[in-house]
Amino acid sequence: MSEMEKGTRPATLAGLGTDSDRGGRLVRRAAAVAGFAILTAVGARIAVPLPGTVVPFTFQIVAVLLSGLALGPRLGVASQAAYLAAGAAGLPVFAAGGGAAYLLGPTGGYLLAFPIAAALAGLGAERGSLAGRALFCALGILAVHAGGTAWLGLTAGPGAARAALESFAVSDLLKLALVLLIGARLRPRMRRFVG
């Protein structure tokens, strides 16, 4: 019996199809990670200075939480790590520019907490329920504020940290509602896209 008759060729072609699918999935995941890193950069550029604090109002946290909700914890973290790496490399992706020194500035603690927030949102998305997603996204917001105010307190003093925290109490609730609304529609589509 020849190799063709034994079915060797179809098995080989099936193997190639699997490798191709795996490669396509990898490309789609990389595109999704890059897309959410870019979305975070766009959110940073929509910055409104707030009186009494050096921390501007931005839409970054919306993009950060959506990255976790839509992509899951691992890819969500990867998107935020890519965002931070781009900024540290000097690309102007942060609210007021870029460069490694920016991460050591007053708002650096907020930025460095983004991967943690994305991971928490991703864990919430895996819970399935709205209450689970809301809880873990709220924990993500708290993680960003914990990192941000701790670093801001060290670099600019406790008064600056307190003023920043007070400035975002109401807007964070609105951002959380927005994230949950968008995330419910976005997650199923992104899960199909990234495989």
Protein backbone atom coordinates (compact mmCIF):
# COMPACT_ATOMS: atom_id res chain seq x y z
CA MET A 1 0.00 0.00 0.00
CA SER A 2 1.42 3.42 -0.95
CA GLU A 3 1.81 6.32 1.46
CA MET A 4 -1.03 8.03 -0.40
CA GLU A 5 -3.34 5.10 0.17
CA LYS A 6 -2.47 4.98 3.88
CA GLY A 7 -3.67 8.53 4.24
CA THR A 8 -0.29 10.14 4.96
CA ARG A 9 -0.89 13.05 2.66
CA PRO A 10 -4.23 14.13 4.14
CA ALA A 11 -2.74 13.92 7.66
CA THR A 12 0.14 16.15 6.54
CA LEU A 13 -2.24 18.65 4.99
CA ALA A 14 -4.35 18.64 8.16
CA GLY A 15 -1.20 19.37 10.14
CA LEU A 16 -0.41 22.30 7.86
CA GLY A 17 -3.93 23.61 8.34
CA THR A 18 -3.51 23.48 12.09
CA ASP A 19 -0.20 25.35 11.91
CA SER A 20 -1.81 27.92 9.65
CA ASP A 21 -4.71 28.35 12.08
CA ARG A 22 -2.27 28.72 14.95
CA GLY A 23 -0.29 31.32 13.02
CA GLY A 24 -3.46 33.22 12.14
CA ARG A 25 -4.58 33.16 15.77
CA LEU A 26 -1.19 34.49 16.85
CA VAL A 27 -1.43 37.35 14.34
CA ARG A 28 -4.98 38.20 15.46
CA ARG A 29 -3.93 38.19 19.11
CA ALA A 30 -0.95 40.44 18.38
CA ALA A 31 -3.24 42.80 16.46
CA ALA A 32 -5.72 42.88 19.36
CA VAL A 33 -2.94 43.59 21.88
CA ALA A 34 -1.57 46.39 19.69
CA GLY A 35 -5.08 47.74 19.11
CA PHE A 36 -5.80 48.08 22.82
CA ALA A 37 -2.37 49.63 23.42
CA ILE A 38 -3.26 52.22 20.77
CA LEU A 39 -6.71 52.72 22.30
CA THR A 40 -5.05 53.41 25.66
CA ALA A 41 -2.77 55.95 23.97
CA VAL A 42 -5.79 57.66 22.38
CA GLY A 43 -7.51 57.71 25.77
CA ALA A 44 -4.42 59.40 27.23
CA ARG A 45 -4.48 62.15 24.63
CA ILE A 46 -8.05 63.09 25.59
CA ALA A 47 -6.76 64.86 28.69
CA VAL A 48 -8.53 67.58 30.64
CA PRO A 49 -6.52 69.35 33.37
CA LEU A 50 -8.30 69.40 36.72
CA PRO A 51 -7.94 72.24 39.21
CA GLY A 52 -6.02 71.37 42.35
CA THR A 53 -4.23 68.29 40.99
CA VAL A 54 -1.41 67.41 38.58
CA VAL A 55 -3.38 64.34 37.44
CA PRO A 56 -5.54 65.12 34.38
CA PHE A 57 -8.90 63.58 33.57
CA THR A 58 -8.37 61.04 30.76
CA PHE A 59 -10.14 58.07 29.24
CA GLN A 60 -7.16 55.76 29.72
CA ILE A 61 -8.80 53.72 32.47
CA VAL A 62 -11.71 52.95 30.13
CA ALA A 63 -9.29 51.48 27.56
CA VAL A 64 -7.32 49.66 30.27
CA LEU A 65 -10.38 47.94 31.72
CA LEU A 66 -11.82 47.18 28.28
CA SER A 67 -8.55 45.49 27.32
CA GLY A 68 -8.99 43.06 30.20
CA LEU A 69 -12.72 42.56 29.66
CA ALA A 70 -12.40 42.00 25.93
CA LEU A 71 -9.13 40.06 25.74
CA GLY A 72 -8.96 38.29 29.09
CA PRO A 73 -6.30 38.73 31.77
CA ARG A 74 -3.20 37.57 29.85
CA LEU A 75 -3.75 39.51 26.63
CA GLY A 76 -5.13 42.49 28.56
CA VAL A 77 -1.89 42.66 30.56
CA ALA A 78 0.11 42.27 27.34
CA SER A 79 -1.70 45.25 25.79
CA GLN A 80 -0.90 47.47 28.75
CA ALA A 81 2.70 46.26 28.91
CA ALA A 82 3.00 47.13 25.21
CA TYR A 83 1.54 50.57 25.91
CA LEU A 84 4.03 51.21 28.72
CA ALA A 85 6.93 49.91 26.63
CA ALA A 86 5.99 52.24 23.76
CA GLY A 87 5.84 55.19 26.14
CA ALA A 88 9.10 54.28 27.88
CA ALA A 89 10.75 54.01 24.44
CA GLY A 90 9.85 57.65 23.84
CA LEU A 91 6.67 57.46 21.78
CA PRO A 92 4.28 60.27 22.83
CA VAL A 93 1.55 57.92 24.10
CA PHE A 94 1.17 59.31 27.62
CA ALA A 95 -1.06 62.29 28.46
CA ALA A 96 1.81 64.77 28.11
CA GLY A 97 4.40 62.97 25.99
CA GLY A 98 6.61 59.95 26.45
CA GLY A 99 9.96 58.66 27.65
CA ALA A 100 11.15 56.53 30.55
CA ALA A 101 11.48 59.59 32.79
CA TYR A 102 7.72 60.14 32.47
CA LEU A 103 7.15 56.92 34.39
CA LEU A 104 9.12 58.39 37.28
CA GLY A 105 7.07 61.58 37.27
CA PRO A 106 4.06 62.34 39.46
CA THR A 107 1.62 60.23 37.42
CA GLY A 108 3.94 57.25 36.91
CA GLY A 109 2.29 55.18 39.62
CA TYR A 110 -1.04 55.33 37.82
CA LEU A 111 0.52 54.15 34.58
CA LEU A 112 2.47 51.31 36.15
CA ALA A 113 -0.72 49.96 37.72
CA PHE A 114 -2.45 49.62 34.33
CA PRO A 115 -1.40 45.98 33.75
CA ILE A 116 -2.77 45.06 37.20
CA ALA A 117 -6.08 46.76 36.40
CA ALA A 118 -6.29 44.97 33.04
CA ALA A 119 -5.62 41.63 34.75
CA LEU A 120 -8.34 42.26 37.32
CA ALA A 121 -10.87 43.23 34.64
CA GLY A 122 -9.94 40.10 32.71
CA LEU A 123 -10.49 37.94 35.77
CA GLY A 124 -13.88 39.59 36.24
CA ALA A 125 -14.81 38.85 32.62
CA GLU A 126 -14.10 35.17 33.23
CA ARG A 127 -16.62 35.18 36.09
CA GLY A 128 -19.40 35.70 33.57
CA SER A 129 -21.85 37.65 35.72
CA LEU A 130 -22.38 41.39 35.59
CA ALA A 131 -21.76 41.59 39.35
CA GLY A 132 -18.43 39.77 38.94
CA ARG A 133 -17.34 42.03 36.10
CA ALA A 134 -18.36 45.14 38.04
CA LEU A 135 -16.53 44.03 41.17
CA PHE A 136 -13.29 43.18 39.41
CA CYS A 137 -13.36 46.34 37.26
CA ALA A 138 -13.91 48.38 40.43
CA LEU A 139 -10.92 46.59 41.97
CA GLY A 140 -8.95 47.49 38.85
CA ILE A 141 -9.82 51.17 39.30
CA LEU A 142 -8.83 50.94 42.97
CA ALA A 143 -5.52 49.33 41.98
CA VAL A 144 -4.77 52.23 39.63
CA HIS A 145 -5.59 54.75 42.36
CA ALA A 146 -3.57 52.82 44.94
CA GLY A 147 -0.48 52.81 42.72
CA GLY A 148 -1.06 56.35 41.54
CA THR A 149 -1.73 58.02 44.87
CA ALA A 150 1.08 56.11 46.61
CA TRP A 151 3.59 57.34 44.02
CA LEU A 152 2.05 60.81 43.84
CA GLY A 153 2.26 61.07 47.63
CA LEU A 154 5.98 60.25 47.47
CA THR A 155 6.76 62.64 44.61
CA ALA A 156 4.37 65.54 45.28
CA GLY A 157 3.25 65.08 48.89
CA PRO A 158 0.21 63.60 50.64
CA GLY A 159 -1.96 66.66 49.92
CA ALA A 160 -1.51 66.17 46.17
CA ALA A 161 -2.43 62.50 46.46
CA ARG A 162 -5.57 63.28 48.45
CA ALA A 163 -6.66 65.99 45.98
CA ALA A 164 -6.21 63.60 43.05
CA LEU A 165 -8.24 60.88 44.73
CA GLU A 166 -11.09 63.25 45.53
CA SER A 167 -11.12 64.59 41.96
CA PHE A 168 -11.92 61.21 40.42
CA ALA A 169 -14.57 59.73 42.72
CA VAL A 170 -17.61 60.59 40.57
CA SER A 171 -15.96 60.28 37.17
CA ASP A 172 -14.70 56.80 38.01
CA LEU A 173 -18.25 55.61 38.65
CA LEU A 174 -19.27 56.95 35.24
CA LYS A 175 -16.26 55.30 33.59
CA LEU A 176 -17.08 52.01 35.30
CA ALA A 177 -20.66 52.12 33.96
CA LEU A 178 -19.33 52.94 30.47
CA VAL A 179 -16.83 50.07 30.59
CA LEU A 180 -19.47 47.55 31.68
CA LEU A 181 -21.86 48.69 28.95
CA ILE A 182 -19.27 48.57 26.16
CA GLY A 183 -17.53 45.47 27.52
CA ALA A 184 -20.71 43.38 27.44
CA ARG A 185 -20.97 43.92 23.68
CA LEU A 186 -17.25 43.90 22.88
CA ARG A 187 -16.11 40.78 24.75
CA PRO A 188 -17.97 38.16 22.66
CA ARG A 189 -16.75 39.70 19.42
CA MET A 190 -13.14 39.97 20.59
CA ARG A 191 -13.15 36.41 21.99
CA ARG A 192 -14.23 35.13 18.56
CA PHE A 193 -11.59 37.30 16.87
CA VAL A 194 -8.62 36.22 19.00
CA GLY A 195 -9.74 32.58 19.16
